[in-house]
N, C-alpha and C. Protein backbone atom coordinates (compact mmCIF):
# COMPACT_ATOMS: atom_id res chain seq x y z
N MET A 1 79.72 85.53 121.12
CA MET A 1 78.90 86.43 121.80
C MET A 1 78.24 85.72 122.46
N LYS A 2 77.81 85.43 123.61
CA LYS A 2 77.43 84.97 124.80
C LYS A 2 76.98 86.12 124.86
N LEU A 3 75.12 85.18 124.47
CA LEU A 3 73.58 85.86 125.71
C LEU A 3 73.27 85.56 126.87
N ALA A 4 72.97 86.52 127.73
CA ALA A 4 72.32 86.08 129.11
C ALA A 4 71.06 86.84 129.19
N PRO A 5 70.07 86.15 128.53
CA PRO A 5 68.84 86.83 128.41
C PRO A 5 67.77 86.61 129.76
N ARG A 6 68.04 87.08 130.79
CA ARG A 6 66.37 87.29 131.31
C ARG A 6 65.04 87.02 130.92
N PHE A 7 64.01 86.49 131.32
CA PHE A 7 62.74 86.18 130.45
C PHE A 7 62.04 86.98 131.80
N VAL A 8 60.79 87.45 131.33
CA VAL A 8 59.81 88.48 132.28
C VAL A 8 58.52 87.02 131.58
N THR A 9 57.71 86.71 132.85
CA THR A 9 56.92 85.41 132.70
C THR A 9 55.56 86.16 132.57
N ASN A 10 54.54 85.09 132.18
CA ASN A 10 53.09 85.92 132.68
C ASN A 10 52.80 85.16 133.85
N ASP A 11 51.19 84.92 134.37
CA ASP A 11 50.89 84.64 135.71
C ASP A 11 50.83 82.87 135.45
N SER A 12 50.77 82.80 133.68
CA SER A 12 50.89 80.91 133.72
C SER A 12 52.06 80.11 133.18
N GLY A 13 53.00 81.74 133.39
CA GLY A 13 55.03 81.10 133.53
C GLY A 13 55.61 80.77 132.30
N GLU A 14 54.37 81.03 131.13
CA GLU A 14 54.65 81.05 129.47
C GLU A 14 55.64 82.54 130.15
N ARG A 15 56.82 82.64 128.95
CA ARG A 15 57.71 83.99 128.95
C ARG A 15 57.02 84.76 128.21
N THR A 16 57.17 86.11 128.00
CA THR A 16 56.49 87.30 127.45
C THR A 16 57.12 88.25 126.98
N ASP A 17 58.02 88.08 127.49
CA ASP A 17 59.72 88.93 126.78
C ASP A 17 60.67 89.30 127.30
N VAL A 18 61.81 89.76 127.18
CA VAL A 18 63.16 89.39 127.09
C VAL A 18 63.89 90.61 127.91
N ILE A 19 65.00 90.35 128.74
CA ILE A 19 65.32 91.35 128.83
C ILE A 19 67.07 91.28 128.95
N LEU A 20 67.15 92.42 128.34
CA LEU A 20 68.65 92.01 127.76
C LEU A 20 70.38 92.45 128.21
N SER A 21 71.14 92.76 128.63
CA SER A 21 71.97 93.70 129.05
C SER A 21 72.26 94.78 128.03
N LEU A 22 72.63 96.32 128.08
CA LEU A 22 72.63 96.93 127.28
C LEU A 22 73.21 96.71 125.93
N GLY A 23 74.81 95.78 126.81
CA GLY A 23 75.81 95.75 125.41
C GLY A 23 75.12 94.47 124.75
N ASP A 24 75.16 93.44 125.11
CA ASP A 24 74.46 92.46 124.33
C ASP A 24 72.73 93.40 123.54
N TYR A 25 71.87 93.82 123.68
CA TYR A 25 71.20 94.69 122.69
C TYR A 25 72.03 95.77 121.34
N GLU A 26 72.88 96.25 121.92
CA GLU A 26 74.10 96.90 121.49
C GLU A 26 74.14 96.04 120.21
N SER A 27 75.33 94.89 120.80
CA SER A 27 75.76 93.98 119.45
C SER A 27 74.65 93.43 118.64
N LEU A 28 73.28 92.86 119.38
CA LEU A 28 72.74 92.42 118.38
C LEU A 28 72.08 93.05 117.54
N MET A 29 72.03 94.66 117.64
CA MET A 29 71.58 95.89 117.00
C MET A 29 72.43 96.25 115.89
N GLU A 30 73.70 95.58 115.98
CA GLU A 30 74.55 95.53 114.94
C GLU A 30 74.77 94.29 113.83
N ASP A 31 74.65 93.79 114.19
CA ASP A 31 74.43 92.58 113.38
C ASP A 31 73.40 92.47 112.85
N LEU A 32 72.28 93.46 113.11
CA LEU A 32 71.18 93.58 112.45
C LEU A 32 71.29 94.37 111.22
N SER A 33 72.13 95.51 111.48
CA SER A 33 72.65 96.41 110.99
C SER A 33 73.36 96.02 109.27
N ASP A 34 74.16 95.15 110.18
CA ASP A 34 75.50 94.43 108.82
C ASP A 34 74.62 93.67 108.27
N LEU A 35 73.93 92.77 108.59
CA LEU A 35 72.54 91.76 107.68
C LEU A 35 72.32 92.97 106.63
N ALA A 36 71.58 93.79 107.56
CA ALA A 36 71.09 94.36 106.22
C ALA A 36 71.42 95.24 105.21
N SER A 37 72.36 95.83 105.42
CA SER A 37 73.67 95.94 104.87
C SER A 37 74.04 94.91 103.64
N ILE A 38 74.41 94.13 104.18
CA ILE A 38 74.85 92.66 103.21
C ILE A 38 73.17 92.60 102.67
N ALA A 39 72.47 92.47 102.54
CA ALA A 39 70.39 92.27 101.57
C ALA A 39 70.92 93.34 101.01
N ASP A 40 70.78 94.47 101.14
CA ASP A 40 70.66 95.00 100.12
C ASP A 40 71.34 95.50 99.21
N ARG A 41 73.08 94.95 99.39
CA ARG A 41 74.34 95.34 98.12
C ARG A 41 74.27 93.53 98.07
N ARG A 42 73.35 92.77 97.54
CA ARG A 42 73.50 91.45 97.34
C ARG A 42 73.60 91.25 96.00
N GLY A 43 72.19 92.47 95.58
CA GLY A 43 72.46 92.16 93.57
C GLY A 43 73.37 93.21 93.27
N GLU A 44 74.97 93.66 93.84
CA GLU A 44 75.71 94.79 93.12
C GLU A 44 76.68 93.77 92.59
N PRO A 45 77.25 93.84 91.65
CA PRO A 45 78.14 93.33 90.96
C PRO A 45 79.58 92.73 91.59
N THR A 46 80.30 91.84 91.68
CA THR A 46 81.44 91.26 92.37
C THR A 46 82.58 91.70 91.17
N ILE A 47 83.72 92.11 92.06
CA ILE A 47 85.54 91.74 91.02
C ILE A 47 85.96 91.06 91.96
N PRO A 48 87.09 89.82 91.15
CA PRO A 48 87.97 89.27 91.77
C PRO A 48 89.07 90.21 92.47
N HIS A 49 89.08 89.19 93.95
CA HIS A 49 89.67 89.97 94.96
C HIS A 49 90.79 90.53 94.84
N GLU A 50 92.09 89.86 93.63
CA GLU A 50 92.84 89.98 92.97
C GLU A 50 92.69 91.63 92.06
N GLU A 51 91.98 92.22 91.64
CA GLU A 51 91.55 92.98 90.70
C GLU A 51 91.43 94.20 92.04
N PHE A 52 90.50 93.86 92.87
CA PHE A 52 89.90 94.76 94.09
C PHE A 52 91.62 95.66 94.88
N LEU A 53 92.52 94.59 94.87
CA LEU A 53 93.58 94.65 95.58
C LEU A 53 94.75 95.43 94.42
N ALA A 54 94.60 95.27 93.27
CA ALA A 54 94.85 95.99 92.38
C ALA A 54 94.65 97.85 92.04
N GLN A 55 93.46 97.87 92.47
CA GLN A 55 92.74 98.97 92.64
C GLN A 55 92.79 99.67 93.77
N LEU A 56 92.94 99.14 94.84
CA LEU A 56 93.41 99.89 96.22
C LEU A 56 95.14 100.32 96.13
N LYS A 57 95.60 99.45 94.88
CA LYS A 57 97.14 99.73 94.98
C LYS A 57 97.53 101.41 93.81
N ALA A 58 96.19 100.80 93.44
CA ALA A 58 96.11 101.89 92.01
C ALA A 58 96.35 103.42 92.65
N ASP A 59 95.06 103.17 93.21
CA ASP A 59 94.50 103.96 94.30
C ASP A 59 95.36 105.09 95.78
N GLY A 60 96.87 104.35 95.93
CA GLY A 60 97.58 104.86 96.36
C GLY A 60 96.85 104.11 98.35
N ILE A 61 96.36 103.46 97.96
CA ILE A 61 95.46 102.86 99.26
C ILE A 61 96.41 102.19 100.51
N LEU A 62 96.67 101.26 99.61
CA LEU A 62 97.84 100.17 99.79
C LEU A 62 99.07 100.44 98.65
N PRO A 63 100.70 100.31 99.80
CA PRO A 63 101.47 100.29 99.23
C PRO A 63 101.47 99.34 98.02
N ASN A 64 102.44 99.86 97.38
CA ASN A 64 102.65 98.65 95.96
C ASN A 64 103.59 97.50 96.58
């Protein structure tokens, strides 16, 4: 994603605010939500990929 922000400056020329397109804003918010989900699940136990695939096949989600 390539952002094209526009900046609002004060009388001294210092950047005070950012204007983003709605699409850029929504994309950033989705990324932030994904990162929060990852952080929330960081402590959960994991299983090997092969075991995960076997479970999906056993549950009929993936073909054998």
